Amino acid sequence: MVEKTVHVGGMHCDMCEASIEKGINELEGIESVQASWNDSVAVVKYDESLASVEDIE
């Protein structure tokens, strides 16, 4: 498993966080995702044999 922090622009509220987390979690190989609209990032833990940063972004 790999953990990466990716920039996510355009988040303005908790619902934005939930939407980003739901979308990323639907990708194959994702173990966990924690989005923060305050910091405009998502911390994603994933299996790099099944997903890539490009898939997540």
PDB file of N, CA and C in Angstrom:
ATOM      1  N   MET A   1       0.833  -1.186   0.000  1.00  0.00           N
ATOM      2  CA  MET A   1       0.000   0.000   0.000  1.00  0.00           C
ATOM      3  C   MET A   1       0.875   1.246   0.000  1.00  0.00           C
ATOM      4  N   VAL A   2       0.397   2.253  -0.690  1.00  0.00           N
ATOM      5  CA  VAL A   2       1.063   3.543  -0.784  1.00  0.00           C
ATOM      6  C   VAL A   2       0.104   4.601  -0.269  1.00  0.00           C
ATOM      7  N   GLU A   3       0.630   5.607   0.409  1.00  0.00           N
ATOM      8  CA  GLU A   3      -0.196   6.730   0.859  1.00  0.00           C
ATOM      9  C   GLU A   3       0.304   7.992   0.181  1.00  0.00           C
ATOM     10  N   LYS A   4      -0.592   8.682  -0.502  1.00  0.00           N
ATOM     11  CA  LYS A   4      -0.255   9.919  -1.205  1.00  0.00           C
ATOM     12  C   LYS A   4      -1.232  11.014  -0.814  1.00  0.00           C
ATOM     13  N   THR A   5      -0.740  12.230  -0.802  1.00  0.00           N
ATOM     14  CA  THR A   5      -1.579  13.404  -0.603  1.00  0.00           C
ATOM     15  C   THR A   5      -1.713  14.100  -1.948  1.00  0.00           C
ATOM     16  N   VAL A   6      -2.940  14.279  -2.406  1.00  0.00           N
ATOM     17  CA  VAL A   6      -3.189  14.923  -3.694  1.00  0.00           C
ATOM     18  C   VAL A   6      -3.980  16.210  -3.484  1.00  0.00           C
ATOM     19  N   HIS A   7      -3.655  17.225  -4.270  1.00  0.00           N
ATOM     20  CA  HIS A   7      -4.364  18.503  -4.205  1.00  0.00           C
ATOM     21  C   HIS A   7      -5.731  18.345  -4.861  1.00  0.00           C
ATOM     22  N   VAL A   8      -6.756  18.866  -4.201  1.00  0.00           N
ATOM     23  CA  VAL A   8      -8.119  18.847  -4.740  1.00  0.00           C
ATOM     24  C   VAL A   8      -8.676  20.261  -4.632  1.00  0.00           C
ATOM     25  N   GLY A   9      -8.760  20.944  -5.745  1.00  0.00           N
ATOM     26  CA  GLY A   9      -9.295  22.295  -5.751  1.00  0.00           C
ATOM     27  C   GLY A   9     -10.812  22.286  -5.827  1.00  0.00           C
ATOM     28  N   GLY A  10     -11.432  23.357  -5.382  1.00  0.00           N
ATOM     29  CA  GLY A  10     -12.866  23.527  -5.539  1.00  0.00           C
ATOM     30  C   GLY A  10     -13.731  23.006  -4.413  1.00  0.00           C
ATOM     31  N   MET A  11     -13.129  22.458  -3.363  1.00  0.00           N
ATOM     32  CA  MET A  11     -13.937  21.998  -2.228  1.00  0.00           C
ATOM     33  C   MET A  11     -14.257  23.196  -1.337  1.00  0.00           C
ATOM     34  N   HIS A  12     -15.538  23.286  -0.912  1.00  0.00           N
ATOM     35  CA  HIS A  12     -15.968  24.426  -0.108  1.00  0.00           C
ATOM     36  C   HIS A  12     -16.683  24.051   1.190  1.00  0.00           C
ATOM     37  N   CYS A  13     -16.958  22.730   1.379  1.00  0.00           N
ATOM     38  CA  CYS A  13     -17.747  22.333   2.548  1.00  0.00           C
ATOM     39  C   CYS A  13     -17.587  20.842   2.819  1.00  0.00           C
ATOM     40  N   ASP A  14     -18.240  20.379   3.882  1.00  0.00           N
ATOM     41  CA  ASP A  14     -18.198  18.962   4.243  1.00  0.00           C
ATOM     42  C   ASP A  14     -18.806  18.075   3.159  1.00  0.00           C
ATOM     43  N   MET A  15     -19.823  18.566   2.481  1.00  0.00           N
ATOM     44  CA  MET A  15     -20.440  17.782   1.411  1.00  0.00           C
ATOM     45  C   MET A  15     -19.474  17.593   0.247  1.00  0.00           C
ATOM     46  N   CYS A  16     -18.645  18.595  -0.007  1.00  0.00           N
ATOM     47  CA  CYS A  16     -17.614  18.461  -1.041  1.00  0.00           C
ATOM     48  C   CYS A  16     -16.637  17.353  -0.659  1.00  0.00           C
ATOM     49  N   GLU A  17     -16.223  17.334   0.605  1.00  0.00           N
ATOM     50  CA  GLU A  17     -15.329  16.276   1.095  1.00  0.00           C
ATOM     51  C   GLU A  17     -15.961  14.909   0.860  1.00  0.00           C
ATOM     52  N   ALA A  18     -17.223  14.767   1.238  1.00  0.00           N
ATOM     53  CA  ALA A  18     -17.920  13.486   1.101  1.00  0.00           C
ATOM     54  C   ALA A  18     -18.000  13.056  -0.358  1.00  0.00           C
ATOM     55  N   SER A  19     -18.245  14.000  -1.249  1.00  0.00           N
ATOM     56  CA  SER A  19     -18.337  13.699  -2.670  1.00  0.00           C
ATOM     57  C   SER A  19     -16.993  13.220  -3.220  1.00  0.00           C
ATOM     58  N   ILE A  20     -15.924  13.896  -2.849  1.00  0.00           N
ATOM     59  CA  ILE A  20     -14.578  13.502  -3.285  1.00  0.00           C
ATOM     60  C   ILE A  20     -14.242  12.117  -2.746  1.00  0.00           C
ATOM     61  N   GLU A  21     -14.499  11.891  -1.462  1.00  0.00           N
ATOM     62  CA  GLU A  21     -14.203  10.594  -0.851  1.00  0.00           C
ATOM     63  C   GLU A  21     -14.988   9.474  -1.529  1.00  0.00           C
ATOM     64  N   LYS A  22     -16.254   9.710  -1.812  1.00  0.00           N
ATOM     65  CA  LYS A  22     -17.087   8.696  -2.465  1.00  0.00           C
ATOM     66  C   LYS A  22     -16.545   8.372  -3.852  1.00  0.00           C
ATOM     67  N   GLY A  23     -16.212   9.400  -4.613  1.00  0.00           N
ATOM     68  CA  GLY A  23     -15.702   9.186  -5.965  1.00  0.00           C
ATOM     69  C   GLY A  23     -14.392   8.422  -5.987  1.00  0.00           C
ATOM     70  N   ILE A  24     -13.469   8.781  -5.121  1.00  0.00           N
ATOM     71  CA  ILE A  24     -12.176   8.097  -5.086  1.00  0.00           C
ATOM     72  C   ILE A  24     -12.345   6.669  -4.576  1.00  0.00           C
ATOM     73  N   ASN A  25     -13.188   6.466  -3.582  1.00  0.00           N
ATOM     74  CA  ASN A  25     -13.410   5.117  -3.043  1.00  0.00           C
ATOM     75  C   ASN A  25     -13.991   4.155  -4.064  1.00  0.00           C
ATOM     76  N   GLU A  26     -14.628   4.667  -5.106  1.00  0.00           N
ATOM     77  CA  GLU A  26     -15.193   3.810  -6.143  1.00  0.00           C
ATOM     78  C   GLU A  26     -14.129   3.237  -7.068  1.00  0.00           C
ATOM     79  N   LEU A  27     -12.920   3.791  -7.032  1.00  0.00           N
ATOM     80  CA  LEU A  27     -11.834   3.295  -7.869  1.00  0.00           C
ATOM     81  C   LEU A  27     -11.296   1.983  -7.323  1.00  0.00           C
ATOM     82  N   GLU A  28     -10.879   1.104  -8.216  1.00  0.00           N
ATOM     83  CA  GLU A  28     -10.292  -0.169  -7.808  1.00  0.00           C
ATOM     84  C   GLU A  28      -8.955   0.069  -7.116  1.00  0.00           C
ATOM     85  N   GLY A  29      -8.711  -0.651  -6.041  1.00  0.00           N
ATOM     86  CA  GLY A  29      -7.431  -0.587  -5.354  1.00  0.00           C
ATOM     87  C   GLY A  29      -7.335   0.429  -4.236  1.00  0.00           C
ATOM     88  N   ILE A  30      -8.404   1.187  -3.995  1.00  0.00           N
ATOM     89  CA  ILE A  30      -8.379   2.204  -2.945  1.00  0.00           C
ATOM     90  C   ILE A  30      -8.682   1.556  -1.600  1.00  0.00           C
ATOM     91  N   GLU A  31      -7.808   1.776  -0.625  1.00  0.00           N
ATOM     92  CA  GLU A  31      -8.051   1.258   0.724  1.00  0.00           C
ATOM     93  C   GLU A  31      -8.730   2.304   1.597  1.00  0.00           C
ATOM     94  N   SER A  32      -8.278   3.557   1.517  1.00  0.00           N
ATOM     95  CA  SER A  32      -8.905   4.612   2.317  1.00  0.00           C
ATOM     96  C   SER A  32      -8.648   5.963   1.670  1.00  0.00           C
ATOM     97  N   VAL A  33      -9.529   6.908   1.986  1.00  0.00           N
ATOM     98  CA  VAL A  33      -9.358   8.286   1.519  1.00  0.00           C
ATOM     99  C   VAL A  33      -9.932   9.222   2.570  1.00  0.00           C
ATOM    100  N   GLN A  34      -9.194  10.283   2.845  1.00  0.00           N
ATOM    101  CA  GLN A  34      -9.633  11.306   3.795  1.00  0.00           C
ATOM    102  C   GLN A  34      -9.435  12.666   3.124  1.00  0.00           C
ATOM    103  N   ALA A  35     -10.533  13.313   2.769  1.00  0.00           N
ATOM    104  CA  ALA A  35     -10.467  14.620   2.122  1.00  0.00           C
ATOM    105  C   ALA A  35     -10.611  15.728   3.160  1.00  0.00           C
ATOM    106  N   SER A  36      -9.965  16.854   2.888  1.00  0.00           N
ATOM    107  CA  SER A  36     -10.064  18.031   3.757  1.00  0.00           C
ATOM    108  C   SER A  36     -10.305  19.262   2.898  1.00  0.00           C
ATOM    109  N   TRP A  37     -11.502  19.850   3.032  1.00  0.00           N
ATOM    110  CA  TRP A  37     -11.772  21.048   2.237  1.00  0.00           C
ATOM    111  C   TRP A  37     -10.980  22.232   2.763  1.00  0.00           C
ATOM    112  N   ASN A  38     -10.667  22.253   4.046  1.00  0.00           N
ATOM    113  CA  ASN A  38      -9.867  23.349   4.609  1.00  0.00           C
ATOM    114  C   ASN A  38      -8.470  23.399   4.005  1.00  0.00           C
ATOM    115  N   ASP A  39      -7.895  22.213   3.764  1.00  0.00           N
ATOM    116  CA  ASP A  39      -6.535  22.129   3.235  1.00  0.00           C
ATOM    117  C   ASP A  39      -6.495  21.895   1.728  1.00  0.00           C
ATOM    118  N   SER A  40      -7.644  21.658   1.105  1.00  0.00           N
ATOM    119  CA  SER A  40      -7.754  21.372  -0.332  1.00  0.00           C
ATOM    120  C   SER A  40      -6.920  20.166  -0.747  1.00  0.00           C
ATOM    121  N   VAL A  41      -6.949  19.119   0.084  1.00  0.00           N
ATOM    122  CA  VAL A  41      -6.209  17.897  -0.220  1.00  0.00           C
ATOM    123  C   VAL A  41      -7.051  16.667   0.108  1.00  0.00           C
ATOM    124  N   ALA A  42      -6.610  15.552  -0.451  1.00  0.00           N
ATOM    125  CA  ALA A  42      -7.138  14.243  -0.074  1.00  0.00           C
ATOM    126  C   ALA A  42      -5.943  13.336   0.173  1.00  0.00           C
ATOM    127  N   VAL A  43      -5.957  12.648   1.296  1.00  0.00           N
ATOM    128  CA  VAL A  43      -4.920  11.670   1.616  1.00  0.00           C
ATOM    129  C   VAL A  43      -5.495  10.308   1.252  1.00  0.00           C
ATOM    130  N   VAL A  44      -4.818   9.639   0.318  1.00  0.00           N
ATOM    131  CA  VAL A  44      -5.340   8.400  -0.241  1.00  0.00           C
ATOM    132  C   VAL A  44      -4.352   7.267  -0.001  1.00  0.00           C
ATOM    133  N   LYS A  45      -4.855   6.163   0.527  1.00  0.00           N
ATOM    134  CA  LYS A  45      -4.048   4.953   0.677  1.00  0.00           C
ATOM    135  C   LYS A  45      -4.567   3.962  -0.358  1.00  0.00           C
ATOM    136  N   TYR A  46      -3.657   3.440  -1.190  1.00  0.00           N
ATOM    137  CA  TYR A  46      -4.096   2.577  -2.280  1.00  0.00           C
ATOM    138  C   TYR A  46      -3.030   1.554  -2.651  1.00  0.00           C
ATOM    139  N   ASP A  47      -3.464   0.536  -3.369  1.00  0.00           N
ATOM    140  CA  ASP A  47      -2.589  -0.506  -3.895  1.00  0.00           C
ATOM    141  C   ASP A  47      -2.099  -0.034  -5.259  1.00  0.00           C
ATOM    142  N   GLU A  48      -0.806   0.268  -5.362  1.00  0.00           N
ATOM    143  CA  GLU A  48      -0.302   0.843  -6.608  1.00  0.00           C
ATOM    144  C   GLU A  48      -0.265  -0.147  -7.765  1.00  0.00           C
ATOM    145  N   SER A  49      -0.523  -1.428  -7.510  1.00  0.00           N
ATOM    146  CA  SER A  49      -0.633  -2.380  -8.618  1.00  0.00           C
ATOM    147  C   SER A  49      -2.028  -2.319  -9.252  1.00  0.00           C
ATOM    148  N   LEU A  50      -2.974  -1.675  -8.567  1.00  0.00           N
ATOM    149  CA  LEU A  50      -4.348  -1.575  -9.065  1.00  0.00           C
ATOM    150  C   LEU A  50      -4.774  -0.151  -9.405  1.00  0.00           C
ATOM    151  N   ALA A  51      -4.117   0.836  -8.830  1.00  0.00           N
ATOM    152  CA  ALA A  51      -4.485   2.242  -9.055  1.00  0.00           C
ATOM    153  C   ALA A  51      -3.216   3.081  -9.112  1.00  0.00           C
ATOM    154  N   SER A  52      -3.327   4.239  -9.730  1.00  0.00           N
ATOM    155  CA  SER A  52      -2.192   5.161  -9.812  1.00  0.00           C
ATOM    156  C   SER A  52      -2.648   6.556  -9.392  1.00  0.00           C
ATOM    157  N   VAL A  53      -1.679   7.417  -9.144  1.00  0.00           N
ATOM    158  CA  VAL A  53      -2.000   8.807  -8.812  1.00  0.00           C
ATOM    159  C   VAL A  53      -2.803   9.428  -9.946  1.00  0.00           C
ATOM    160  N   GLU A  54      -2.475   9.081 -11.179  1.00  0.00           N
ATOM    161  CA  GLU A  54      -3.203   9.619 -12.330  1.00  0.00           C
ATOM    162  C   GLU A  54      -4.673   9.207 -12.286  1.00  0.00           C
ATOM    163  N   ASP A  55      -4.947   7.962 -11.883  1.00  0.00           N
ATOM    164  CA  ASP A  55      -6.339   7.507 -11.748  1.00  0.00           C
ATOM    165  C   ASP A  55      -7.070   8.334 -10.701  1.00  0.00           C
ATOM    166  N   ILE A  56      -6.386   8.600  -9.601  1.00  0.00           N
ATOM    167  CA  ILE A  56      -6.991   9.312  -8.476  1.00  0.00           C
ATOM    168  C   ILE A  56      -7.242  10.771  -8.817  1.00  0.00           C
ATOM    169  N   GLU A  57      -6.283  11.390  -9.486  1.00  0.00           N
ATOM    170  CA  GLU A  57      -6.417  12.813  -9.818  1.00  0.00           C
ATOM    171  C   GLU A  57      -7.461  12.997 -10.888  1.00  0.00           C
TER     172      GLU A  57
END
